[in-house]
Amino acid sequence: MQYALITGASKGIGKAMAVEMAKRGYGVLLVARSEFLLQQNCIELNELYKVPAQFLAIDLTDPTATQTIFNWCINNHYEVSVLINNAGYGLNGSLEDYSLYNHLQMMQLNMNVVVALCYLFLPELKKRKVAYIGNISSTAAYQSVPGLNIYAASKTFVRSFSRGLAYELRNTSVKVCCICPGTTDTDFAQQANITHEKAIKMAAKFNMNPADVAKQAVEGILAGKKEIVPGTTNKILKYLSNIVPDSFLEQSAAGIYGI
């Protein structure tokens, strides 16, 4: 049985991507903090799609978490052929609004965990006839975002890392895809402490459904695409970020996020 390992799989895009992989007959390995939600998701996926579904409840900001995840898969003989690095979060506000510890924890999850899991699983993925890595970035990766500064920078890292890794692995059986969603109907805004009225109204206007994002993402990953921007509006915003001056984009973002 070939498995898809998905981080941040308790809800939102991660949960929806688990559904998409299960629909395609993959066993699913769900990783996040909430044991209750993961357990419920596994029960549902097993009942609906008749695929093996296992979970590991773990705090991914713990520096030892990635090795624990890898050991869990090896010790249980889970043949991972799809790795989806979805876990991540943001913090809304200026740099000094949060402690250095808060920022470093976010950077640990958004960047270090992605690199570590890719590094640890790569030798296993290369053993498969074909294997896939999907790293979730964001449309924020295409510009600086005052008010979500470190989050956007971390997603720029994910995009750059993913594209570079895709090239390094171009002659192997492993395909790497970077997925850059825009605003999605998840609890990201609550976790990021986004309370500015303009940001909330914009999110409500342009939010995509997690299921739609996941469907486009999984289709792109399995098609071997290097980069995906789900949704027509997000594709237009990506295009505009290439032609509109940085200073204008930064001023606009600052106004949206209350900086």
C-alpha atoms as a PDB file:
ATOM      1  CA  MET A   1       0.000   0.000   0.000  1.00  0.00           C
ATOM      2  CA  GLN A   2       1.293   3.427  -0.982  1.00  0.00           C
ATOM      3  CA  TYR A   3       0.721   6.162   1.589  1.00  0.00           C
ATOM      4  CA  ALA A   4       0.368   9.934   1.503  1.00  0.00           C
ATOM      5  CA  LEU A   5       1.783  11.680   4.567  1.00  0.00           C
ATOM      6  CA  ILE A   6       0.088  15.009   5.252  1.00  0.00           C
ATOM      7  CA  THR A   7       1.002  17.511   7.964  1.00  0.00           C
ATOM      8  CA  GLY A   8      -1.535  19.938   9.396  1.00  0.00           C
ATOM      9  CA  ALA A   9      -4.188  17.369   8.465  1.00  0.00           C
ATOM     10  CA  SER A  10      -6.666  17.888  11.304  1.00  0.00           C
ATOM     11  CA  LYS A  11      -8.709  20.510   9.417  1.00  0.00           C
ATOM     12  CA  GLY A  12      -8.712  23.035   6.587  1.00  0.00           C
ATOM     13  CA  ILE A  13      -6.639  22.440   3.461  1.00  0.00           C
ATOM     14  CA  GLY A  14      -4.723  19.566   5.072  1.00  0.00           C
ATOM     15  CA  LYS A  15      -7.879  17.614   5.863  1.00  0.00           C
ATOM     16  CA  ALA A  16      -9.241  18.304   2.381  1.00  0.00           C
ATOM     17  CA  MET A  17      -6.016  17.067   0.796  1.00  0.00           C
ATOM     18  CA  ALA A  18      -6.271  13.861   2.823  1.00  0.00           C
ATOM     19  CA  VAL A  19      -9.742  13.364   1.344  1.00  0.00           C
ATOM     20  CA  GLU A  20      -8.390  13.896  -2.180  1.00  0.00           C
ATOM     21  CA  MET A  21      -5.603  11.373  -1.666  1.00  0.00           C
ATOM     22  CA  ALA A  22      -7.978   8.817  -0.137  1.00  0.00           C
ATOM     23  CA  LYS A  23     -10.323   9.229  -3.112  1.00  0.00           C
ATOM     24  CA  ARG A  24      -7.425   8.178  -5.324  1.00  0.00           C
ATOM     25  CA  GLY A  25      -6.808   5.021  -3.313  1.00  0.00           C
ATOM     26  CA  TYR A  26      -3.821   6.115  -1.247  1.00  0.00           C
ATOM     27  CA  GLY A  27      -3.514   5.175   2.379  1.00  0.00           C
ATOM     28  CA  VAL A  28      -3.280   8.345   4.436  1.00  0.00           C
ATOM     29  CA  LEU A  29      -1.023   9.270   7.339  1.00  0.00           C
ATOM     30  CA  LEU A  30      -2.310  12.336   9.153  1.00  0.00           C
ATOM     31  CA  VAL A  31      -0.085  14.488  11.345  1.00  0.00           C
ATOM     32  CA  ALA A  32      -1.120  17.442  13.530  1.00  0.00           C
ATOM     33  CA  ARG A  33      -1.540  18.360  17.198  1.00  0.00           C
ATOM     34  CA  SER A  34      -5.202  17.510  17.787  1.00  0.00           C
ATOM     35  CA  GLU A  35      -5.543  13.806  18.563  1.00  0.00           C
ATOM     36  CA  PHE A  36      -9.335  13.982  18.660  1.00  0.00           C
ATOM     37  CA  LEU A  37      -9.714  15.613  15.231  1.00  0.00           C
ATOM     38  CA  LEU A  38      -7.129  13.322  13.658  1.00  0.00           C
ATOM     39  CA  GLN A  39      -8.855  10.254  15.045  1.00  0.00           C
ATOM     40  CA  GLN A  40     -12.225  11.398  13.710  1.00  0.00           C
ATOM     41  CA  ASN A  41     -10.734  12.146  10.302  1.00  0.00           C
ATOM     42  CA  CYS A  42      -9.160   8.698  10.099  1.00  0.00           C
ATOM     43  CA  ILE A  43     -12.448   7.000  10.960  1.00  0.00           C
ATOM     44  CA  GLU A  44     -14.289   9.000   8.287  1.00  0.00           C
ATOM     45  CA  LEU A  45     -11.676   8.377   5.594  1.00  0.00           C
ATOM     46  CA  ASN A  46     -11.570   4.664   6.303  1.00  0.00           C
ATOM     47  CA  GLU A  47     -15.350   4.361   6.236  1.00  0.00           C
ATOM     48  CA  LEU A  48     -15.884   6.497   3.130  1.00  0.00           C
ATOM     49  CA  TYR A  49     -12.974   5.387   0.942  1.00  0.00           C
ATOM     50  CA  LYS A  50     -11.955   2.017   2.416  1.00  0.00           C
ATOM     51  CA  VAL A  51      -8.283   2.980   2.654  1.00  0.00           C
ATOM     52  CA  PRO A  52      -5.922   2.614   5.617  1.00  0.00           C
ATOM     53  CA  ALA A  53      -5.861   5.814   7.662  1.00  0.00           C
ATOM     54  CA  GLN A  54      -3.457   6.336  10.559  1.00  0.00           C
ATOM     55  CA  PHE A  55      -2.526   9.390  12.586  1.00  0.00           C
ATOM     56  CA  LEU A  56       0.237  10.777  14.766  1.00  0.00           C
ATOM     57  CA  ALA A  57      -0.634  13.587  17.180  1.00  0.00           C
ATOM     58  CA  ILE A  58       2.488  15.685  17.651  1.00  0.00           C
ATOM     59  CA  ASP A  59       3.585  19.296  18.054  1.00  0.00           C
ATOM     60  CA  LEU A  60       5.573  20.006  14.903  1.00  0.00           C
ATOM     61  CA  THR A  61       7.309  22.998  16.467  1.00  0.00           C
ATOM     62  CA  ASP A  62       9.221  20.553  18.665  1.00  0.00           C
ATOM     63  CA  PRO A  63      12.673  20.216  17.018  1.00  0.00           C
ATOM     64  CA  THR A  64      12.535  16.430  17.495  1.00  0.00           C
ATOM     65  CA  ALA A  65       9.118  16.056  15.829  1.00  0.00           C
ATOM     66  CA  THR A  66      10.310  15.445  12.272  1.00  0.00           C
ATOM     67  CA  GLN A  67      12.572  12.580  13.287  1.00  0.00           C
ATOM     68  CA  THR A  68       9.723  11.115  15.353  1.00  0.00           C
ATOM     69  CA  ILE A  69       7.434  11.240  12.309  1.00  0.00           C
ATOM     70  CA  PHE A  70      10.029   9.566  10.113  1.00  0.00           C
ATOM     71  CA  ASN A  71      10.690   6.837  12.677  1.00  0.00           C
ATOM     72  CA  TRP A  72       6.935   6.248  13.048  1.00  0.00           C
ATOM     73  CA  CYS A  73       6.614   5.608   9.326  1.00  0.00           C
ATOM     74  CA  ILE A  74       9.683   3.369   9.103  1.00  0.00           C
ATOM     75  CA  ASN A  75       8.851   1.330  12.203  1.00  0.00           C
ATOM     76  CA  ASN A  76       5.303   0.711  10.962  1.00  0.00           C
ATOM     77  CA  HIS A  77       6.421  -0.049   7.400  1.00  0.00           C
ATOM     78  CA  TYR A  78       4.332   2.734   5.895  1.00  0.00           C
ATOM     79  CA  GLU A  79       5.543   3.127   2.306  1.00  0.00           C
ATOM     80  CA  VAL A  80       5.280   6.879   1.834  1.00  0.00           C
ATOM     81  CA  SER A  81       5.131   7.857  -1.832  1.00  0.00           C
ATOM     82  CA  VAL A  82       3.515  11.280  -1.352  1.00  0.00           C
ATOM     83  CA  LEU A  83       4.743  13.845   1.186  1.00  0.00           C
ATOM     84  CA  ILE A  84       2.558  16.924   1.651  1.00  0.00           C
ATOM     85  CA  ASN A  85       3.976  19.650   3.881  1.00  0.00           C
ATOM     86  CA  ASN A  86       0.847  21.629   4.685  1.00  0.00           C
ATOM     87  CA  ALA A  87       1.271  22.682   8.342  1.00  0.00           C
ATOM     88  CA  GLY A  88       1.917  26.352   8.940  1.00  0.00           C
ATOM     89  CA  TYR A  89       0.517  29.554  10.429  1.00  0.00           C
ATOM     90  CA  GLY A  90       0.952  33.327  10.458  1.00  0.00           C
ATOM     91  CA  LEU A  91       1.049  36.184  12.961  1.00  0.00           C
ATOM     92  CA  ASN A  92      -0.621  39.496  12.140  1.00  0.00           C
ATOM     93  CA  GLY A  93       1.061  42.642  13.401  1.00  0.00           C
ATOM     94  CA  SER A  94       4.389  44.438  13.473  1.00  0.00           C
ATOM     95  CA  LEU A  95       7.639  42.660  14.332  1.00  0.00           C
ATOM     96  CA  GLU A  96       7.625  43.945  17.919  1.00  0.00           C
ATOM     97  CA  ASP A  97       4.018  42.926  18.569  1.00  0.00           C
ATOM     98  CA  TYR A  98       5.122  39.355  19.327  1.00  0.00           C
ATOM     99  CA  SER A  99       7.984  37.822  21.242  1.00  0.00           C
ATOM    100  CA  LEU A 100      11.066  36.563  19.456  1.00  0.00           C
ATOM    101  CA  TYR A 101      10.079  33.091  20.648  1.00  0.00           C
ATOM    102  CA  ASN A 102       6.719  33.390  18.846  1.00  0.00           C
ATOM    103  CA  HIS A 103       8.412  34.373  15.593  1.00  0.00           C
ATOM    104  CA  LEU A 104      11.006  31.608  15.815  1.00  0.00           C
ATOM    105  CA  GLN A 105       8.320  29.004  16.518  1.00  0.00           C
ATOM    106  CA  MET A 106       6.454  30.084  13.401  1.00  0.00           C
ATOM    107  CA  MET A 107       9.643  29.953  11.341  1.00  0.00           C
ATOM    108  CA  GLN A 108      10.375  26.497  12.738  1.00  0.00           C
ATOM    109  CA  LEU A 109       7.016  25.186  11.532  1.00  0.00           C
ATOM    110  CA  ASN A 110       6.772  27.063   8.245  1.00  0.00           C
ATOM    111  CA  MET A 111      10.333  26.440   7.046  1.00  0.00           C
ATOM    112  CA  ASN A 112      12.475  24.085   9.115  1.00  0.00           C
ATOM    113  CA  VAL A 113       9.873  21.333   9.290  1.00  0.00           C
ATOM    114  CA  VAL A 114       9.428  21.452   5.511  1.00  0.00           C
ATOM    115  CA  VAL A 115      13.157  21.092   4.886  1.00  0.00           C
ATOM    116  CA  ALA A 116      13.606  18.416   7.543  1.00  0.00           C
ATOM    117  CA  LEU A 117      10.782  16.196   6.307  1.00  0.00           C
ATOM    118  CA  CYS A 118      11.923  16.521   2.687  1.00  0.00           C
ATOM    119  CA  TYR A 119      15.469  15.625   3.741  1.00  0.00           C
ATOM    120  CA  LEU A 120      14.461  12.667   5.902  1.00  0.00           C
ATOM    121  CA  PHE A 121      11.973  11.128   3.477  1.00  0.00           C
ATOM    122  CA  LEU A 122      13.874  11.733   0.245  1.00  0.00           C
ATOM    123  CA  PRO A 123      15.848   8.454   0.334  1.00  0.00           C
ATOM    124  CA  GLU A 124      12.588   6.555   0.874  1.00  0.00           C
ATOM    125  CA  LEU A 125      10.760   8.474  -1.850  1.00  0.00           C
ATOM    126  CA  LYS A 126      13.541   7.706  -4.329  1.00  0.00           C
ATOM    127  CA  LYS A 127      12.864   3.992  -3.832  1.00  0.00           C
ATOM    128  CA  ARG A 128       9.404   4.359  -5.381  1.00  0.00           C
ATOM    129  CA  LYS A 129       8.764   4.053  -9.096  1.00  0.00           C
ATOM    130  CA  VAL A 130       7.254   7.529  -8.853  1.00  0.00           C
ATOM    131  CA  ALA A 131       6.866   9.762  -5.801  1.00  0.00           C
ATOM    132  CA  TYR A 132       5.706  13.263  -5.037  1.00  0.00           C
ATOM    133  CA  ILE A 133       6.419  16.134  -2.653  1.00  0.00           C
ATOM    134  CA  GLY A 134       3.848  18.898  -2.282  1.00  0.00           C
ATOM    135  CA  ASN A 135       4.873  21.950  -0.261  1.00  0.00           C
ATOM    136  CA  ILE A 136       2.177  24.466   0.642  1.00  0.00           C
ATOM    137  CA  SER A 137       3.327  28.041   0.205  1.00  0.00           C
ATOM    138  CA  SER A 138       1.010  31.021  -0.354  1.00  0.00           C
ATOM    139  CA  THR A 139       0.299  33.852  -2.765  1.00  0.00           C
ATOM    140  CA  ALA A 140       2.023  35.906  -0.047  1.00  0.00           C
ATOM    141  CA  ALA A 141       5.248  34.375  -1.380  1.00  0.00           C
ATOM    142  CA  TYR A 142       5.156  36.747  -4.349  1.00  0.00           C
ATOM    143  CA  GLN A 143       5.547  39.987  -2.383  1.00  0.00           C
ATOM    144  CA  SER A 144       6.470  41.546   0.940  1.00  0.00           C
ATOM    145  CA  VAL A 145       3.449  41.775   3.247  1.00  0.00           C
ATOM    146  CA  PRO A 146       3.738  44.312   6.084  1.00  0.00           C
ATOM    147  CA  GLY A 147       1.510  43.006   8.844  1.00  0.00           C
ATOM    148  CA  LEU A 148       2.234  39.400   7.883  1.00  0.00           C
ATOM    149  CA  ASN A 149       5.906  40.053   7.302  1.00  0.00           C
ATOM    150  CA  ILE A 150       7.623  36.937   8.628  1.00  0.00           C
ATOM    151  CA  TYR A 151       4.809  34.673   7.434  1.00  0.00           C
ATOM    152  CA  ALA A 152       5.144  35.997   3.877  1.00  0.00           C
ATOM    153  CA  ALA A 153       8.938  35.716   4.037  1.00  0.00           C
ATOM    154  CA  SER A 154       8.664  32.127   5.239  1.00  0.00           C
ATOM    155  CA  LYS A 155       6.351  31.289   2.335  1.00  0.00           C
ATOM    156  CA  THR A 156       8.788  32.910  -0.090  1.00  0.00           C
ATOM    157  CA  PHE A 157      11.390  30.534   1.342  1.00  0.00           C
ATOM    158  CA  VAL A 158       9.085  27.546   0.794  1.00  0.00           C
ATOM    159  CA  ARG A 159       8.483  28.515  -2.824  1.00  0.00           C
ATOM    160  CA  SER A 160      12.176  29.090  -3.571  1.00  0.00           C
ATOM    161  CA  PHE A 161      13.215  25.901  -1.763  1.00  0.00           C
ATOM    162  CA  SER A 162      10.568  23.840  -3.569  1.00  0.00           C
ATOM    163  CA  ARG A 163      11.481  25.071  -7.030  1.00  0.00           C
ATOM    164  CA  GLY A 164      15.183  24.561  -6.373  1.00  0.00           C
ATOM    165  CA  LEU A 165      14.552  21.062  -5.035  1.00  0.00           C
ATOM    166  CA  ALA A 166      12.397  20.241  -8.059  1.00  0.00           C
ATOM    167  CA  TYR A 167      15.309  21.083 -10.315  1.00  0.00           C
ATOM    168  CA  GLU A 168      17.794  19.105  -8.229  1.00  0.00           C
ATOM    169  CA  LEU A 169      15.517  16.049  -8.488  1.00  0.00           C
ATOM    170  CA  ARG A 170      14.623  16.506 -12.157  1.00  0.00           C
ATOM    171  CA  ASN A 171      16.353  13.259 -13.176  1.00  0.00           C
ATOM    172  CA  THR A 172      14.880  11.155 -10.358  1.00  0.00           C
ATOM    173  CA  SER A 173      11.498   9.540  -9.740  1.00  0.00           C
ATOM    174  CA  VAL A 174      10.538  12.284  -7.259  1.00  0.00           C
ATOM    175  CA  LYS A 175       8.454  15.230  -8.441  1.00  0.00           C
ATOM    176  CA  VAL A 176       8.250  18.389  -6.331  1.00  0.00           C
ATOM    177  CA  CYS A 177       5.346  20.822  -6.471  1.00  0.00           C
ATOM    178  CA  CYS A 178       4.835  24.150  -4.706  1.00  0.00           C
ATOM    179  CA  ILE A 179       1.210  25.111  -4.059  1.00  0.00           C
ATOM    180  CA  CYS A 180       0.434  28.809  -3.501  1.00  0.00           C
ATOM    181  CA  PRO A 181      -3.152  29.302  -2.295  1.00  0.00           C
ATOM    182  CA  GLY A 182      -4.663  32.694  -1.631  1.00  0.00           C
ATOM    183  CA  THR A 183      -7.186  33.423   1.102  1.00  0.00           C
ATOM    184  CA  THR A 184      -9.023  30.218   1.993  1.00  0.00           C
ATOM    185  CA  ASP A 185     -11.979  29.572   4.268  1.00  0.00           C
ATOM    186  CA  THR A 186     -10.010  28.120   7.198  1.00  0.00           C
ATOM    187  CA  ASP A 187      -9.217  29.325  10.718  1.00  0.00           C
ATOM    188  CA  PHE A 188      -5.983  30.964   9.519  1.00  0.00           C
ATOM    189  CA  ALA A 189      -7.291  34.466  10.290  1.00  0.00           C
ATOM    190  CA  GLN A 190      -8.203  33.530  13.862  1.00  0.00           C
ATOM    191  CA  GLN A 191      -4.853  31.825  14.474  1.00  0.00           C
ATOM    192  CA  ALA A 192      -2.998  34.775  12.963  1.00  0.00           C
ATOM    193  CA  ASN A 193      -4.992  37.238  15.098  1.00  0.00           C
ATOM    194  CA  ILE A 194      -6.242  39.129  12.035  1.00  0.00           C
ATOM    195  CA  THR A 195      -8.860  41.570  13.309  1.00  0.00           C
ATOM    196  CA  HIS A 196      -8.548  44.506  10.908  1.00  0.00           C
ATOM    197  CA  GLU A 197     -11.915  45.095   9.227  1.00  0.00           C
ATOM    198  CA  LYS A 198     -10.475  45.566   5.736  1.00  0.00           C
ATOM    199  CA  ALA A 199      -8.619  42.245   5.912  1.00  0.00           C
ATOM    200  CA  ILE A 200     -11.706  40.404   7.149  1.00  0.00           C
ATOM    201  CA  LYS A 201     -13.914  41.878   4.394  1.00  0.00           C
ATOM    202  CA  MET A 202     -11.366  41.067   1.694  1.00  0.00           C
ATOM    203  CA  ALA A 203     -11.011  37.501   2.925  1.00  0.00           C
ATOM    204  CA  ALA A 204     -14.782  37.062   2.910  1.00  0.00           C
ATOM    205  CA  LYS A 205     -14.927  38.350  -0.662  1.00  0.00           C
ATOM    206  CA  PHE A 206     -12.139  36.215  -2.118  1.00  0.00           C
ATOM    207  CA  ASN A 207     -12.038  33.123   0.132  1.00  0.00           C
ATOM    208  CA  MET A 208     -11.743  29.789  -1.669  1.00  0.00           C
ATOM    209  CA  ASN A 209     -13.221  26.598  -0.289  1.00  0.00           C
ATOM    210  CA  PRO A 210     -10.517  24.269   1.147  1.00  0.00           C
ATOM    211  CA  ALA A 211     -11.947  21.394  -0.894  1.00  0.00           C
ATOM    212  CA  ASP A 212     -11.471  23.345  -4.140  1.00  0.00           C
ATOM    213  CA  VAL A 213      -7.919  24.307  -3.190  1.00  0.00           C
ATOM    214  CA  ALA A 214      -7.102  20.703  -2.273  1.00  0.00           C
ATOM    215  CA  LYS A 215      -8.561  19.277  -5.475  1.00  0.00           C
ATOM    216  CA  GLN A 216      -6.522  21.607  -7.675  1.00  0.00           C
ATOM    217  CA  ALA A 217      -3.437  21.042  -5.524  1.00  0.00           C
ATOM    218  CA  VAL A 218      -3.570  17.245  -5.601  1.00  0.00           C
ATOM    219  CA  GLU A 219      -4.310  17.196  -9.332  1.00  0.00           C
ATOM    220  CA  GLY A 220      -1.264  19.390  -9.906  1.00  0.00           C
ATOM    221  CA  ILE A 221       0.997  17.385  -7.596  1.00  0.00           C
ATOM    222  CA  LEU A 222       0.138  14.093  -9.289  1.00  0.00           C
ATOM    223  CA  ALA A 223       0.493  15.685 -12.735  1.00  0.00           C
ATOM    224  CA  GLY A 224       4.086  16.581 -11.879  1.00  0.00           C
ATOM    225  CA  LYS A 225       3.613  20.351 -11.993  1.00  0.00           C
ATOM    226  CA  LYS A 226       6.291  22.482 -10.339  1.00  0.00           C
ATOM    227  CA  GLU A 227       3.988  25.246  -9.123  1.00  0.00           C
ATOM    228  CA  ILE A 228       0.250  25.738  -8.703  1.00  0.00           C
ATOM    229  CA  VAL A 229      -1.781  28.836  -7.893  1.00  0.00           C
ATOM    230  CA  PRO A 230      -5.358  27.652  -7.226  1.00  0.00           C
ATOM    231  CA  GLY A 231      -8.175  29.899  -8.400  1.00  0.00           C
ATOM    232  CA  THR A 232      -8.491  32.429 -11.212  1.00  0.00           C
ATOM    233  CA  THR A 233      -8.417  35.442  -8.890  1.00  0.00           C
ATOM    234  CA  ASN A 234      -5.195  34.258  -7.292  1.00  0.00           C
ATOM    235  CA  LYS A 235      -3.603  33.718 -10.703  1.00  0.00           C
ATOM    236  CA  ILE A 236      -4.466  37.312 -11.614  1.00  0.00           C
ATOM    237  CA  LEU A 237      -3.001  38.578  -8.319  1.00  0.00           C
ATOM    238  CA  LYS A 238       0.195  36.637  -8.991  1.00  0.00           C
ATOM    239  CA  TYR A 239       0.455  38.224 -12.434  1.00  0.00           C
ATOM    240  CA  LEU A 240      -0.113  41.699 -11.007  1.00  0.00           C
ATOM    241  CA  SER A 241       2.594  41.150  -8.395  1.00  0.00           C
ATOM    242  CA  ASN A 242       5.077  40.795 -11.265  1.00  0.00           C
ATOM    243  CA  ILE A 243       4.211  44.107 -12.895  1.00  0.00           C
ATOM    244  CA  VAL A 244       3.049  46.398 -10.066  1.00  0.00           C
ATOM    245  CA  PRO A 245       5.820  48.282  -8.180  1.00  0.00           C
ATOM    246  CA  ASP A 246       6.836  46.717  -4.863  1.00  0.00           C
ATOM    247  CA  SER A 247       6.231  49.957  -2.966  1.00  0.00           C
ATOM    248  CA  PHE A 248       2.595  50.016  -4.100  1.00  0.00           C
ATOM    249  CA  LEU A 249       2.053  46.369  -3.156  1.00  0.00           C
ATOM    250  CA  GLU A 250       3.602  46.934   0.280  1.00  0.00           C
ATOM    251  CA  GLN A 251       1.502  50.035   0.923  1.00  0.00           C
ATOM    252  CA  SER A 252      -1.647  48.158  -0.117  1.00  0.00           C
ATOM    253  CA  ALA A 253      -0.835  45.182   2.109  1.00  0.00           C
ATOM    254  CA  ALA A 254      -0.068  47.448   5.059  1.00  0.00           C
ATOM    255  CA  GLY A 255      -3.477  49.075   4.686  1.00  0.00           C
ATOM    256  CA  ILE A 256      -5.226  45.708   4.579  1.00  0.00           C
ATOM    257  CA  TYR A 257      -3.471  44.354   7.667  1.00  0.00           C
ATOM    258  CA  GLY A 258      -3.648  47.525   9.724  1.00  0.00           C
ATOM    259  CA  ILE A 259      -0.010  48.621   9.720  1.00  0.00           C
END
